[in-house]
PDB file of all heavy atoms in Angstrom:
ATOM      1  N   GLY A   1      44.114  99.103  60.822  1.00  0.00           N
ATOM      2  CA  GLY A   1      44.217 100.550  60.789  1.00  0.00           C
ATOM      3  C   GLY A   1      44.818 101.013  59.477  1.00  0.00           C
ATOM      4  O   GLY A   1      45.421 100.231  58.726  1.00  0.00           O
ATOM      5  N   ALA A   2      44.688 102.306  59.204  1.00  0.00           N
ATOM      6  CA  ALA A   2      45.255 102.873  57.981  1.00  0.00           C
ATOM      7  C   ALA A   2      46.766 102.951  58.058  1.00  0.00           C
ATOM      8  O   ALA A   2      47.447 103.031  57.026  1.00  0.00           O
ATOM      9  CB  ALA A   2      44.671 104.260  57.736  1.00  0.00           C
ATOM     10  N   GLY A   3      47.311 102.918  59.283  1.00  0.00           N
ATOM     11  CA  GLY A   3      48.757 102.927  59.464  1.00  0.00           C
ATOM     12  C   GLY A   3      49.283 104.267  59.922  1.00  0.00           C
ATOM     13  O   GLY A   3      48.664 105.315  59.715  1.00  0.00           O
ATOM     14  N   LEU A   4      50.439 104.229  60.550  1.00  0.00           N
ATOM     15  CA  LEU A   4      51.090 105.429  61.055  1.00  0.00           C
ATOM     16  C   LEU A   4      52.128 105.966  60.078  1.00  0.00           C
ATOM     17  O   LEU A   4      52.579 107.104  60.194  1.00  0.00           O
ATOM     18  CB  LEU A   4      51.742 105.134  62.409  1.00  0.00           C
ATOM     19  CG  LEU A   4      50.771 104.677  63.510  1.00  0.00           C
ATOM     20  CD1 LEU A   4      51.538 104.184  64.730  1.00  0.00           C
ATOM     21  CD2 LEU A   4      49.826 105.796  63.895  1.00  0.00           C
ATOM     22  N   VAL A   5      52.543 105.128  59.129  1.00  0.00           N
ATOM     23  CA  VAL A   5      53.523 105.510  58.115  1.00  0.00           C
ATOM     24  C   VAL A   5      52.789 105.711  56.792  1.00  0.00           C
ATOM     25  O   VAL A   5      51.968 104.867  56.419  1.00  0.00           O
ATOM     26  CB  VAL A   5      54.607 104.417  57.960  1.00  0.00           C
ATOM     27  CG1 VAL A   5      55.509 104.708  56.778  1.00  0.00           C
ATOM     28  CG2 VAL A   5      55.418 104.288  59.239  1.00  0.00           C
ATOM     29  N   PRO A   6      53.048 106.801  56.077  1.00  0.00           N
ATOM     30  CA  PRO A   6      52.366 106.995  54.796  1.00  0.00           C
ATOM     31  C   PRO A   6      52.855 106.010  53.735  1.00  0.00           C
ATOM     32  O   PRO A   6      53.987 105.530  53.784  1.00  0.00           O
ATOM     33  CB  PRO A   6      52.751 108.439  54.414  1.00  0.00           C
ATOM     34  CG  PRO A   6      54.017 108.710  55.158  1.00  0.00           C
ATOM     35  CD  PRO A   6      53.921 107.927  56.446  1.00  0.00           C
ATOM     36  N   GLY A   7      51.976 105.697  52.797  1.00  0.00           N
ATOM     37  CA  GLY A   7      52.351 104.827  51.684  1.00  0.00           C
ATOM     38  C   GLY A   7      52.260 103.357  52.000  1.00  0.00           C
ATOM     39  O   GLY A   7      51.738 102.941  53.036  1.00  0.00           O
ATOM     40  N   ASP A   8      52.797 102.537  51.102  1.00  0.00           N
ATOM     41  CA  ASP A   8      52.766 101.087  51.260  1.00  0.00           C
ATOM     42  C   ASP A   8      53.810 100.650  52.279  1.00  0.00           C
ATOM     43  O   ASP A   8      54.804 101.323  52.526  1.00  0.00           O
ATOM     44  CB  ASP A   8      53.038 100.404  49.921  1.00  0.00           C
ATOM     45  CG  ASP A   8      51.945 100.683  48.899  1.00  0.00           C
ATOM     46  OD1 ASP A   8      50.800 100.913  49.327  1.00  0.00           O
ATOM     47  OD2 ASP A   8      52.253 100.683  47.693  1.00  0.00           O
ATOM     48  N   ILE A   9      53.577  99.478  52.869  1.00  0.00           N
ATOM     49  CA  ILE A   9      54.552  98.911  53.802  1.00  0.00           C
ATOM     50  C   ILE A   9      55.327  97.804  53.102  1.00  0.00           C
ATOM     51  O   ILE A   9      54.882  97.250  52.095  1.00  0.00           O
ATOM     52  CB  ILE A   9      53.876  98.371  55.071  1.00  0.00           C
ATOM     53  CG1 ILE A   9      52.795  97.332  54.736  1.00  0.00           C
ATOM     54  CG2 ILE A   9      53.288  99.499  55.884  1.00  0.00           C
ATOM     55  CD1 ILE A   9      52.228  96.647  55.960  1.00  0.00           C
ATOM     56  N   HIS A  10      56.493  97.511  53.666  1.00  0.00           N
ATOM     57  CA  HIS A  10      57.352  96.492  53.074  1.00  0.00           C
ATOM     58  C   HIS A  10      57.455  95.296  54.008  1.00  0.00           C
ATOM     59  O   HIS A  10      56.904  95.289  55.110  1.00  0.00           O
ATOM     60  CB  HIS A  10      58.740  97.079  52.795  1.00  0.00           C
ATOM     61  CG  HIS A  10      59.355  97.768  53.976  1.00  0.00           C
ATOM     62  ND1 HIS A  10      59.770  97.110  55.113  1.00  0.00           N
ATOM     63  CD2 HIS A  10      59.626  99.086  54.186  1.00  0.00           C
ATOM     64  CE1 HIS A  10      60.264  97.959  55.969  1.00  0.00           C
ATOM     65  NE2 HIS A  10      60.197  99.179  55.451  1.00  0.00           N
ATOM     66  N   ASP A  11      58.154  94.281  53.578  1.00  0.00           N
ATOM     67  CA  ASP A  11      58.397  93.098  54.403  1.00  0.00           C
ATOM     68  C   ASP A  11      59.029  93.488  55.718  1.00  0.00           C
ATOM     69  O   ASP A  11      59.844  94.402  55.800  1.00  0.00           O
ATOM     70  CB  ASP A  11      59.313  92.132  53.641  1.00  0.00           C
ATOM     71  CG  ASP A  11      59.590  90.878  54.451  1.00  0.00           C
ATOM     72  OD1 ASP A  11      58.730  89.988  54.443  1.00  0.00           O
ATOM     73  OD2 ASP A  11      60.634  90.825  55.103  1.00  0.00           O
ATOM     74  N   SER A  12      58.652  92.785  56.780  1.00  0.00           N
ATOM     75  CA  SER A  12      59.104  93.161  58.124  1.00  0.00           C
ATOM     76  C   SER A  12      60.617  93.096  58.286  1.00  0.00           C
ATOM     77  O   SER A  12      61.181  93.757  59.156  1.00  0.00           O
ATOM     78  CB  SER A  12      58.448  92.261  59.170  1.00  0.00           C
ATOM     79  OG  SER A  12      58.771  90.901  58.939  1.00  0.00           O
ATOM     80  N   LEU A  13      61.299  92.294  57.491  1.00  0.00           N
ATOM     81  CA  LEU A  13      62.757  92.192  57.599  1.00  0.00           C
ATOM     82  C   LEU A  13      63.467  93.123  56.613  1.00  0.00           C
ATOM     83  O   LEU A  13      64.678  93.061  56.455  1.00  0.00           O
ATOM     84  CB  LEU A  13      63.197  90.750  57.367  1.00  0.00           C
ATOM     85  CG  LEU A  13      62.625  89.727  58.345  1.00  0.00           C
ATOM     86  CD1 LEU A  13      63.119  88.323  57.991  1.00  0.00           C
ATOM     87  CD2 LEU A  13      62.994  90.062  59.776  1.00  0.00           C
ATOM     88  N   GLY A  14      62.676  93.995  55.956  1.00  0.00           N
ATOM     89  CA  GLY A  14      63.247  94.935  55.002  1.00  0.00           C
ATOM     90  C   GLY A  14      63.769  96.193  55.676  1.00  0.00           C
ATOM     91  O   GLY A  14      64.134  96.180  56.855  1.00  0.00           O
ATOM     92  N   PRO A  15      63.800  97.323  54.951  1.00  0.00           N
ATOM     93  CA  PRO A  15      64.331  98.572  55.514  1.00  0.00           C
ATOM     94  C   PRO A  15      63.574  98.996  56.763  1.00  0.00           C
ATOM     95  O   PRO A  15      62.410  98.665  56.953  1.00  0.00           O
ATOM     96  CB  PRO A  15      64.123  99.582  54.368  1.00  0.00           C
ATOM     97  CG  PRO A  15      63.992  98.756  53.139  1.00  0.00           C
ATOM     98  CD  PRO A  15      63.354  97.476  53.561  1.00  0.00           C
ATOM     99  N   SER A  16      64.246  99.779  57.593  1.00  0.00           N
ATOM    100  CA  SER A  16      63.652 100.204  58.854  1.00  0.00           C
ATOM    101  C   SER A  16      62.514 101.201  58.632  1.00  0.00           C
ATOM    102  O   SER A  16      62.559 102.024  57.719  1.00  0.00           O
ATOM    103  CB  SER A  16      64.723 100.845  59.731  1.00  0.00           C
ATOM    104  OG  SER A  16      64.148 101.384  60.899  1.00  0.00           O
ATOM    105  N   PHE A  17      61.492 101.114  59.505  1.00  0.00           N
ATOM    106  CA  PHE A  17      60.426 102.101  59.512  1.00  0.00           C
ATOM    107  C   PHE A  17      60.792 103.303  60.378  1.00  0.00           C
ATOM    108  O   PHE A  17      60.064 104.297  60.414  1.00  0.00           O
ATOM    109  CB  PHE A  17      59.133 101.487  60.077  1.00  0.00           C
ATOM    110  CG  PHE A  17      58.451 100.527  59.143  1.00  0.00           C
ATOM    111  CD1 PHE A  17      58.405  99.177  59.438  1.00  0.00           C
ATOM    112  CD2 PHE A  17      57.823 100.980  57.989  1.00  0.00           C
ATOM    113  CE1 PHE A  17      57.751  98.288  58.600  1.00  0.00           C
ATOM    114  CE2 PHE A  17      57.169 100.101  57.147  1.00  0.00           C
ATOM    115  CZ  PHE A  17      57.129  98.749  57.448  1.00  0.00           C
ATOM    116  N   ALA A  18      61.882 103.209  61.120  1.00  0.00           N
ATOM    117  CA  ALA A  18      62.252 104.274  62.059  1.00  0.00           C
ATOM    118  C   ALA A  18      62.445 105.588  61.318  1.00  0.00           C
ATOM    119  O   ALA A  18      63.050 105.640  60.244  1.00  0.00           O
ATOM    120  CB  ALA A  18      63.524 103.896  62.810  1.00  0.00           C
ATOM    121  N   GLY A  19      61.932 106.666  61.912  1.00  0.00           N
ATOM    122  CA  GLY A  19      62.106 107.992  61.347  1.00  0.00           C
ATOM    123  C   GLY A  19      61.111 108.361  60.269  1.00  0.00           C
ATOM    124  O   GLY A  19      61.120 109.489  59.781  1.00  0.00           O
ATOM    125  N   LEU A  20      60.233 107.432  59.869  1.00  0.00           N
ATOM    126  CA  LEU A  20      59.269 107.720  58.815  1.00  0.00           C
ATOM    127  C   LEU A  20      57.982 108.340  59.346  1.00  0.00           C
ATOM    128  O   LEU A  20      57.183 108.863  58.581  1.00  0.00           O
ATOM    129  CB  LEU A  20      58.925 106.439  58.042  1.00  0.00           C
ATOM    130  CG  LEU A  20      60.091 105.738  57.338  1.00  0.00           C
ATOM    131  CD1 LEU A  20      59.591 104.523  56.579  1.00  0.00           C
ATOM    132  CD2 LEU A  20      60.799 106.712  56.385  1.00  0.00           C
ATOM    133  N   SER A  21      57.767 108.262  60.672  1.00  0.00           N
ATOM    134  CA  SER A  21      56.541 108.775  61.273  1.00  0.00           C
ATOM    135  C   SER A  21      56.803 109.112  62.732  1.00  0.00           C
ATOM    136  O   SER A  21      57.284 108.269  63.492  1.00  0.00           O
ATOM    137  CB  SER A  21      55.426 107.728  61.168  1.00  0.00           C
ATOM    138  OG  SER A  21      54.390 107.986  62.091  1.00  0.00           O
ATOM    139  N   LYS A  22      56.479 110.350  63.122  1.00  0.00           N
ATOM    140  CA  LYS A  22      56.640 110.727  64.522  1.00  0.00           C
ATOM    141  C   LYS A  22      55.728 109.907  65.425  1.00  0.00           C
ATOM    142  O   LYS A  22      56.095 109.568  66.548  1.00  0.00           O
ATOM    143  CB  LYS A  22      56.351 112.223  64.691  1.00  0.00           C
ATOM    144  CG  LYS A  22      57.399 113.145  64.094  1.00  0.00           C
ATOM    145  CD  LYS A  22      57.071 114.601  64.377  1.00  0.00           C
ATOM    146  CE  LYS A  22      58.151 115.513  63.797  1.00  0.00           C
ATOM    147  NZ  LYS A  22      57.846 116.953  64.057  1.00  0.00           N
ATOM    148  N   GLU A  23      54.543 109.575  64.910  1.00  0.00           N
ATOM    149  CA  GLU A  23      53.600 108.777  65.700  1.00  0.00           C
ATOM    150  C   GLU A  23      54.134 107.369  65.929  1.00  0.00           C
ATOM    151  O   GLU A  23      54.064 106.831  67.037  1.00  0.00           O
ATOM    152  CB  GLU A  23      52.235 108.725  65.007  1.00  0.00           C
ATOM    153  CG  GLU A  23      51.461 110.025  64.999  1.00  0.00           C
ATOM    154  CD  GLU A  23      51.971 111.006  63.956  1.00  0.00           C
ATOM    155  OE1 GLU A  23      52.744 110.577  63.054  1.00  0.00           O
ATOM    156  OE2 GLU A  23      51.605 112.197  64.034  1.00  0.00           O
ATOM    157  N   LEU A  24      54.670 106.739  64.888  1.00  0.00           N
ATOM    158  CA  LEU A  24      55.223 105.397  65.041  1.00  0.00           C
ATOM    159  C   LEU A  24      56.461 105.427  65.938  1.00  0.00           C
ATOM    160  O   LEU A  24      56.638 104.538  66.790  1.00  0.00           O
ATOM    161  CB  LEU A  24      55.571 104.799  63.678  1.00  0.00           C
ATOM    162  CG  LEU A  24      56.133 103.370  63.687  1.00  0.00           C
ATOM    163  CD1 LEU A  24      55.175 102.400  64.365  1.00  0.00           C
ATOM    164  CD2 LEU A  24      56.447 102.908  62.265  1.00  0.00           C
ATOM    165  N   ASP A  25      57.314 106.434  65.781  1.00  0.00           N
ATOM    166  CA  ASP A  25      58.478 106.564  66.662  1.00  0.00           C
ATOM    167  C   ASP A  25      58.046 106.704  68.114  1.00  0.00           C
ATOM    168  O   ASP A  25      58.651 106.132  69.025  1.00  0.00           O
ATOM    169  CB  ASP A  25      59.327 107.776  66.253  1.00  0.00           C
ATOM    170  CG  ASP A  25      60.045 107.574  64.915  1.00  0.00           C
ATOM    171  OD1 ASP A  25      60.132 106.421  64.459  1.00  0.00           O
ATOM    172  OD2 ASP A  25      60.508 108.582  64.350  1.00  0.00           O
ATOM    173  N   ALA A  26      56.963 107.470  68.344  1.00  0.00           N
ATOM    174  CA  ALA A  26      56.458 107.661  69.709  1.00  0.00           C
ATOM    175  C   ALA A  26      55.920 106.351  70.278  1.00  0.00           C
ATOM    176  O   ALA A  26      56.161 106.012  71.446  1.00  0.00           O
ATOM    177  CB  ALA A  26      55.374 108.734  69.723  1.00  0.00           C
ATOM    178  N   LEU A  27      55.201 105.594  69.452  1.00  0.00           N
ATOM    179  CA  LEU A  27      54.675 104.296  69.896  1.00  0.00           C
ATOM    180  C   LEU A  27      55.815 103.374  70.303  1.00  0.00           C
ATOM    181  O   LEU A  27      55.749 102.692  71.336  1.00  0.00           O
ATOM    182  CB  LEU A  27      53.841 103.667  68.784  1.00  0.00           C
ATOM    183  CG  LEU A  27      53.272 102.272  69.035  1.00  0.00           C
ATOM    184  CD1 LEU A  27      52.420 102.232  70.294  1.00  0.00           C
ATOM    185  CD2 LEU A  27      52.475 101.782  67.821  1.00  0.00           C
ATOM    186  N   VAL A  28      56.880 103.360  69.528  1.00  0.00           N
ATOM    187  CA  VAL A  28      58.042 102.521  69.850  1.00  0.00           C
ATOM    188  C   VAL A  28      58.728 103.028  71.123  1.00  0.00           C
ATOM    189  O   VAL A  28      59.189 102.233  71.942  1.00  0.00           O
ATOM    190  CB  VAL A  28      59.016 102.471  68.662  1.00  0.00           C
ATOM    191  CG1 VAL A  28      60.330 101.801  69.059  1.00  0.00           C
ATOM    192  CG2 VAL A  28      58.378 101.708  67.500  1.00  0.00           C
ATOM    193  N   ASP A  29      58.782 104.347  71.312  1.00  0.00           N
ATOM    194  CA  ASP A  29      59.345 104.892  72.554  1.00  0.00           C
ATOM    195  C   ASP A  29      58.621 104.317  73.762  1.00  0.00           C
ATOM    196  O   ASP A  29      59.246 103.932  74.767  1.00  0.00           O
ATOM    197  CB  ASP A  29      59.232 106.422  72.575  1.00  0.00           C
ATOM    198  CG  ASP A  29      60.283 107.091  71.707  1.00  0.00           C
ATOM    199  OD1 ASP A  29      61.229 106.404  71.272  1.00  0.00           O
ATOM    200  OD2 ASP A  29      60.145 108.307  71.456  1.00  0.00           O
ATOM    201  N   TYR A  30      57.293 104.262  73.666  1.00  0.00           N
ATOM    202  CA  TYR A  30      56.535 103.706  74.787  1.00  0.00           C
ATOM    203  C   TYR A  30      56.795 102.212  74.939  1.00  0.00           C
ATOM    204  O   TYR A  30      57.015 101.716  76.057  1.00  0.00           O
ATOM    205  CB  TYR A  30      55.032 103.955  74.622  1.00  0.00           C
ATOM    206  CG  TYR A  30      54.245 103.222  75.682  1.00  0.00           C
ATOM    207  CD1 TYR A  30      54.360 103.570  77.025  1.00  0.00           C
ATOM    208  CD2 TYR A  30      53.439 102.135  75.355  1.00  0.00           C
ATOM    209  CE1 TYR A  30      53.682 102.862  78.009  1.00  0.00           C
ATOM    210  CE2 TYR A  30      52.759 101.428  76.329  1.00  0.00           C
ATOM    211  CZ  TYR A  30      52.887 101.796  77.659  1.00  0.00           C
ATOM    212  OH  TYR A  30      52.226 101.086  78.638  1.00  0.00           O
ATOM    213  N   MET A  31      56.780 101.476  73.839  1.00  0.00           N
ATOM    214  CA  MET A  31      57.002 100.030  73.917  1.00  0.00           C
ATOM    215  C   MET A  31      58.374  99.716  74.522  1.00  0.00           C
ATOM    216  O   MET A  31      58.516  98.770  75.294  1.00  0.00           O
ATOM    217  CB  MET A  31      56.852  99.399  72.537  1.00  0.00           C
ATOM    218  CG  MET A  31      55.432  99.450  71.996  1.00  0.00           C
ATOM    219  SD  MET A  31      55.290  98.854  70.288  1.00  0.00           S
ATOM    220  CE  MET A  31      55.721  97.140  70.491  1.00  0.00           C
ATOM    221  N   GLU A  32      59.380 100.523  74.180  1.00  0.00           N
ATOM    222  CA  GLU A  32      60.722 100.304  74.737  1.00  0.00           C
ATOM    223  C   GLU A  32      60.789 100.644  76.221  1.00  0.00           C
ATOM    224  O   GLU A  32      61.697 100.193  76.913  1.00  0.00           O
ATOM    225  CB  GLU A  32      61.744 101.120  73.951  1.00  0.00           C
ATOM    226  CG  GLU A  32      62.010 100.576  72.549  1.00  0.00           C
ATOM    227  CD  GLU A  32      63.038 101.383  71.793  1.00  0.00           C
ATOM    228  OE1 GLU A  32      63.220 102.582  72.122  1.00  0.00           O
ATOM    229  OE2 GLU A  32      63.668 100.830  70.858  1.00  0.00           O
ATOM    230  N   SER A  33      59.822 101.428  76.707  1.00  0.00           N
ATOM    231  CA  SER A  33      59.819 101.796  78.127  1.00  0.00           C
ATOM    232  C   SER A  33      59.199 100.719  79.006  1.00  0.00           C
ATOM    233  O   SER A  33      59.279 100.794  80.234  1.00  0.00           O
ATOM    234  CB  SER A  33      59.048 103.109  78.320  1.00  0.00           C
ATOM    235  OG  SER A  33      57.637 102.909  78.235  1.00  0.00           O
ATOM    236  N   ILE A  34      58.578  99.712  78.392  1.00  0.00           N
ATOM    237  CA  ILE A  34      57.919  98.644  79.160  1.00  0.00           C
ATOM    238  C   ILE A  34      58.988  97.651  79.612  1.00  0.00           C
ATOM    239  O   ILE A  34      59.480  96.847  78.817  1.00  0.00           O
ATOM    240  CB  ILE A  34      56.840  97.940  78.321  1.00  0.00           C
ATOM    241  CG1 ILE A  34      55.802  98.946  77.823  1.00  0.00           C
ATOM    242  CG2 ILE A  34      56.155  96.840  79.135  1.00  0.00           C
ATOM    243  CD1 ILE A  34      54.852  98.388  76.784  1.00  0.00           C
ATOM    244  N   GLU A  35      59.347  97.737  80.863  1.00  0.00           N
ATOM    245  CA  GLU A  35      60.457  96.939  81.378  1.00  0.00           C
ATOM    246  C   GLU A  35      59.972  95.767  82.221  1.00  0.00           C
ATOM    247  O   GLU A  35      58.845  95.762  82.723  1.00  0.00           O
ATOM    248  CB  GLU A  35      61.387  97.825  82.210  1.00  0.00           C
ATOM    249  CG  GLU A  35      62.006  98.978  81.424  1.00  0.00           C
ATOM    250  CD  GLU A  35      62.870  99.857  82.290  1.00  0.00           C
ATOM    251  OE1 GLU A  35      62.798  99.724  83.537  1.00  0.00           O
ATOM    252  OE2 GLU A  35      63.632 100.676  81.739  1.00  0.00           O
ATOM    253  N   VAL A  36      60.819  94.787  82.376  1.00  0.00           N
ATOM    254  CA  VAL A  36      60.544  93.682  83.285  1.00  0.00           C
ATOM    255  C   VAL A  36      60.693  94.197  84.710  1.00  0.00           C
ATOM    256  O   VAL A  36      61.713  94.821  85.040  1.00  0.00           O
ATOM    257  CB  VAL A  36      61.519  92.507  83.062  1.00  0.00           C
ATOM    258  CG1 VAL A  36      61.236  91.377  84.034  1.00  0.00           C
ATOM    259  CG2 VAL A  36      61.429  92.018  81.621  1.00  0.00           C
ATOM    260  N   PRO A  37      59.686  94.020  85.606  1.00  0.00           N
ATOM    261  CA  PRO A  37      59.811  94.496  86.982  1.00  0.00           C
ATOM    262  C   PRO A  37      61.049  93.935  87.666  1.00  0.00           C
ATOM    263  O   PRO A  37      61.439  92.786  87.433  1.00  0.00           O
ATOM    264  CB  PRO A  37      58.529  93.978  87.651  1.00  0.00           C
ATOM    265  CG  PRO A  37      57.563  93.811  86.525  1.00  0.00           C
ATOM    266  CD  PRO A  37      58.389  93.397  85.345  1.00  0.00           C
ATOM    267  N   VAL A  38      61.659  94.758  88.501  1.00  0.00           N
ATOM    268  CA  VAL A  38      62.877  94.355  89.203  1.00  0.00           C
ATOM    269  C   VAL A  38      62.643  93.097  90.023  1.00  0.00           C
ATOM    270  O   VAL A  38      63.492  92.203  90.098  1.00  0.00           O
ATOM    271  CB  VAL A  38      63.371  95.503  90.103  1.00  0.00           C
ATOM    272  CG1 VAL A  38      64.554  95.054  90.958  1.00  0.00           C
ATOM    273  CG2 VAL A  38      63.749  96.708  89.267  1.00  0.00           C
ATOM    274  N   ASP A  39      61.441  92.987  90.633  1.00  0.00           N
ATOM    275  CA  ASP A  39      61.147  91.806  91.467  1.00  0.00           C
ATOM    276  C   ASP A  39      61.242  90.523  90.657  1.00  0.00           C
ATOM    277  O   ASP A  39      61.684  89.487  91.135  1.00  0.00           O
ATOM    278  CB  ASP A  39      59.736  91.843  92.056  1.00  0.00           C
ATOM    279  CG  ASP A  39      59.210  93.230  92.304  1.00  0.00           C
ATOM    280  OD1 ASP A  39      59.480  94.087  91.468  1.00  0.00           O
ATOM    281  OD2 ASP A  39      58.537  93.404  93.308  1.00  0.00           O
ATOM    282  N   LEU A  40      60.788  90.592  89.389  1.00  0.00           N
ATOM    283  CA  LEU A  40      60.822  89.386  88.561  1.00  0.00           C
ATOM    284  C   LEU A  40      62.250  89.035  88.170  1.00  0.00           C
ATOM    285  O   LEU A  40      62.624  87.871  88.090  1.00  0.00           O
ATOM    286  CB  LEU A  40      59.961  89.601  87.304  1.00  0.00           C
ATOM    287  CG  LEU A  40      58.461  89.802  87.535  1.00  0.00           C
ATOM    288  CD1 LEU A  40      57.740  89.917  86.200  1.00  0.00           C
ATOM    289  CD2 LEU A  40      57.867  88.679  88.362  1.00  0.00           C
ATOM    290  N   LEU A  41      63.057  90.072  87.917  1.00  0.00           N
ATOM    291  CA  LEU A  41      64.437  89.809  87.558  1.00  0.00           C
ATOM    292  C   LEU A  41      65.211  89.211  88.724  1.00  0.00           C
ATOM    293  O   LEU A  41      66.092  88.368  88.547  1.00  0.00           O
ATOM    294  CB  LEU A  41      65.122  91.119  87.118  1.00  0.00           C
ATOM    295  CG  LEU A  41      64.625  91.703  85.773  1.00  0.00           C
ATOM    296  CD1 LEU A  41      65.224  93.082  85.564  1.00  0.00           C
ATOM    297  CD2 LEU A  41      64.993  90.788  84.628  1.00  0.00           C
ATOM    298  N   SER A  42      64.880  89.639  89.946  1.00  0.00           N
ATOM    299  CA  SER A  42      65.599  89.155  91.116  1.00  0.00           C
ATOM    300  C   SER A  42      65.107  87.807  91.603  1.00  0.00           C
ATOM    301  O   SER A  42      65.759  87.147  92.402  1.00  0.00           O
ATOM    302  CB  SER A  42      65.452  90.168  92.260  1.00  0.00           C
ATOM    303  OG  SER A  42      64.105  90.236  92.701  1.00  0.00           O
ATOM    304  N   GLY A  43      63.885  87.443  91.119  1.00  0.00           N
ATOM    305  CA  GLY A  43      63.324  86.181  91.549  1.00  0.00           C
ATOM    306  C   GLY A  43      62.639  86.245  92.902  1.00  0.00           C
ATOM    307  O   GLY A  43      62.224  85.228  93.457  1.00  0.00           O
ATOM    308  N   ASP A  44      62.438  87.471  93.443  1.00  0.00           N
ATOM    309  CA  ASP A  44      61.835  87.606  94.763  1.00  0.00           C
ATOM    310  C   ASP A  44      60.318  87.663  94.709  1.00  0.00           C
ATOM    311  O   ASP A  44      59.649  87.565  95.714  1.00  0.00           O
ATOM    312  CB  ASP A  44      62.329  88.889  95.450  1.00  0.00           C
ATOM    313  CG  ASP A  44      63.811  88.827  95.770  1.00  0.00           C
ATOM    314  OD1 ASP A  44      64.303  87.688  95.918  1.00  0.00           O
ATOM    315  OD2 ASP A  44      64.451  89.879  95.883  1.00  0.00           O
ATOM    316  N   SER A  45      59.755  87.859  93.514  1.00  0.00           N
ATOM    317  CA  SER A  45      58.316  88.039  93.398  1.00  0.00           C
ATOM    318  C   SER A  45      57.573  86.720  93.535  1.00  0.00           C
ATOM    319  O   SER A  45      58.057  85.664  93.166  1.00  0.00           O
ATOM    320  CB  SER A  45      57.991  88.667  92.058  1.00  0.00           C
ATOM    321  OG  SER A  45      56.608  88.620  91.821  1.00  0.00           O
ATOM    322  N   GLU A  46      56.319  86.822  94.047  1.00  0.00           N
ATOM    323  CA  GLU A  46      55.430  85.673  94.098  1.00  0.00           C
ATOM    324  C   GLU A  46      54.388  85.754  92.984  1.00  0.00           C
ATOM    325  O   GLU A  46      53.376  85.076  93.033  1.00  0.00           O
ATOM    326  CB  GLU A  46      54.696  85.648  95.453  1.00  0.00           C
ATOM    327  CG  GLU A  46      55.615  85.517  96.652  1.00  0.00           C
ATOM    328  CD  GLU A  46      54.833  85.622  97.949  1.00  0.00           C
ATOM    329  OE1 GLU A  46      53.672  85.174  97.992  1.00  0.00           O
ATOM    330  OE2 GLU A  46      55.359  86.151  98.919  1.00  0.00           O
TER     331      GLU A  46
END
């Protein structure tokens, strides 16, 4: 893709991309909302 942040990108361990793009911030908001189901954490799931 052309990217969600304008301009060139840097090394992944370099400065943060946070705050440079509302679209990228929104994508991360969704990714952070993906949680481990409670059943898996409790060990009750099959």
